[in-house]
Amino acid sequence: MHAARMLSMGDELEARLAQRFPDAIIDLVDESHLHAGHDGAKGGGSHFRLRIVHPCFAGMSRVARHRLVYDAVSDWMPQRIHALSVQALSPEE
């Protein structure tokens, strides 16, 4: 029997986003190390920068795009994810 490999928070987040936005181009950067000592970091919450490209964002406002992304991970905020900076684009952008 093989032990299950533990995924990093970044891997888990990327997998969740890929499930919610199939075939998206996802560029996720863990910036938690830049926030050492910050209140969110003290509580264990991670800081990420996300660039995601998916056709569903076409014709949507920036706020609507961000809502879709945040809705996909809202149950992880603020405990597991303290901060998520989002750039959501359609393929044409």
Protein backbone atom coordinates (compact mmCIF):
# COMPACT_ATOMS: atom_id res chain seq x y z
CA MET A 1 0.00 0.00 0.00
CA HIS A 2 1.35 3.40 -0.99
CA ALA A 3 1.13 6.37 1.33
CA ALA A 4 -0.90 9.23 -0.08
CA ARG A 5 1.30 12.12 -1.15
CA MET A 6 0.55 15.27 0.78
CA LEU A 7 -0.22 18.17 -1.51
CA SER A 8 1.00 21.66 -0.78
CA MET A 9 -1.59 24.36 -0.24
CA GLY A 10 -0.66 25.76 -3.66
CA ASP A 11 -1.19 22.36 -5.31
CA GLU A 12 -4.56 21.99 -3.60
CA LEU A 13 -5.63 25.47 -4.64
CA GLU A 14 -4.54 24.93 -8.24
CA ALA A 15 -6.42 21.60 -8.36
CA ARG A 16 -9.58 23.22 -7.03
CA LEU A 17 -9.38 26.04 -9.56
CA ALA A 18 -8.73 23.56 -12.39
CA GLN A 19 -11.81 21.62 -11.33
CA ARG A 20 -13.97 24.75 -11.22
CA PHE A 21 -12.49 26.21 -14.43
CA PRO A 22 -11.67 23.21 -16.68
CA ASP A 23 -8.91 23.80 -19.23
CA ALA A 24 -8.01 27.16 -17.67
CA ILE A 25 -4.50 28.49 -17.89
CA ILE A 26 -3.51 28.92 -14.26
CA ASP A 27 -0.41 30.71 -12.99
CA LEU A 28 -0.39 30.54 -9.20
CA VAL A 29 2.40 31.98 -7.09
CA ASP A 30 2.66 31.40 -3.35
CA GLU A 31 3.79 34.71 -1.85
CA SER A 32 3.39 33.64 1.77
CA HIS A 33 7.11 34.05 2.44
CA LEU A 34 6.79 37.74 1.59
CA HIS A 35 4.29 38.18 4.42
CA ALA A 36 6.18 36.54 7.29
CA GLY A 37 5.14 38.18 10.53
CA HIS A 38 1.90 39.52 9.02
CA ASP A 39 -1.24 38.70 11.04
CA GLY A 40 -2.56 36.40 8.30
CA ALA A 41 0.73 34.53 8.16
CA LYS A 42 0.74 34.10 11.95
CA GLY A 43 -2.63 32.38 11.74
CA GLY A 44 -1.40 30.01 9.05
CA GLY A 45 -3.26 31.60 6.15
CA SER A 46 -1.39 31.61 2.85
CA HIS A 47 -0.94 34.50 0.43
CA PHE A 48 -1.28 33.81 -3.30
CA ARG A 49 -1.11 35.70 -6.57
CA LEU A 50 -3.25 34.17 -9.32
CA ARG A 51 -3.44 34.76 -13.05
CA ILE A 52 -6.21 32.67 -14.61
CA VAL A 53 -7.35 32.62 -18.23
CA HIS A 54 -10.68 31.01 -19.11
CA PRO A 55 -13.42 31.60 -21.70
CA CYS A 56 -16.10 32.06 -19.01
CA PHE A 57 -14.61 35.47 -18.16
CA ALA A 58 -15.40 36.92 -21.62
CA GLY A 59 -17.76 39.88 -21.41
CA MET A 60 -17.69 39.98 -17.60
CA SER A 61 -16.66 42.90 -15.44
CA ARG A 62 -13.55 42.60 -13.33
CA VAL A 63 -15.66 42.39 -10.19
CA ALA A 64 -17.81 39.58 -11.62
CA ARG A 65 -14.69 37.64 -12.62
CA HIS A 66 -13.22 37.99 -9.15
CA ARG A 67 -16.49 36.85 -7.57
CA LEU A 68 -16.38 33.62 -9.61
CA VAL A 69 -12.84 32.91 -8.47
CA TYR A 70 -13.49 33.81 -4.83
CA ASP A 71 -16.68 31.71 -4.82
CA ALA A 72 -14.58 28.70 -5.82
CA VAL A 73 -12.42 29.03 -2.69
CA SER A 74 -14.61 30.94 -0.23
CA ASP A 75 -14.70 28.05 2.24
CA TRP A 76 -10.90 28.26 2.55
CA MET A 77 -10.87 31.97 3.39
CA PRO A 78 -9.53 33.35 5.66
CA GLN A 79 -8.20 30.27 7.52
CA ARG A 80 -6.28 28.49 4.74
CA ILE A 81 -6.02 31.42 2.34
CA HIS A 82 -5.47 34.79 3.95
CA ALA A 83 -5.00 36.75 0.72
CA LEU A 84 -5.62 36.02 -2.95
CA SER A 85 -4.66 38.57 -5.58
CA VAL A 86 -6.55 37.76 -8.80
CA GLN A 87 -6.03 38.62 -12.43
CA ALA A 88 -8.82 36.85 -14.35
CA LEU A 89 -8.78 37.13 -18.14
CA SER A 90 -10.57 35.74 -21.15
CA PRO A 91 -8.42 34.03 -23.82
CA GLU A 92 -8.78 37.07 -26.08
CA GLU A 93 -7.17 39.37 -23.52
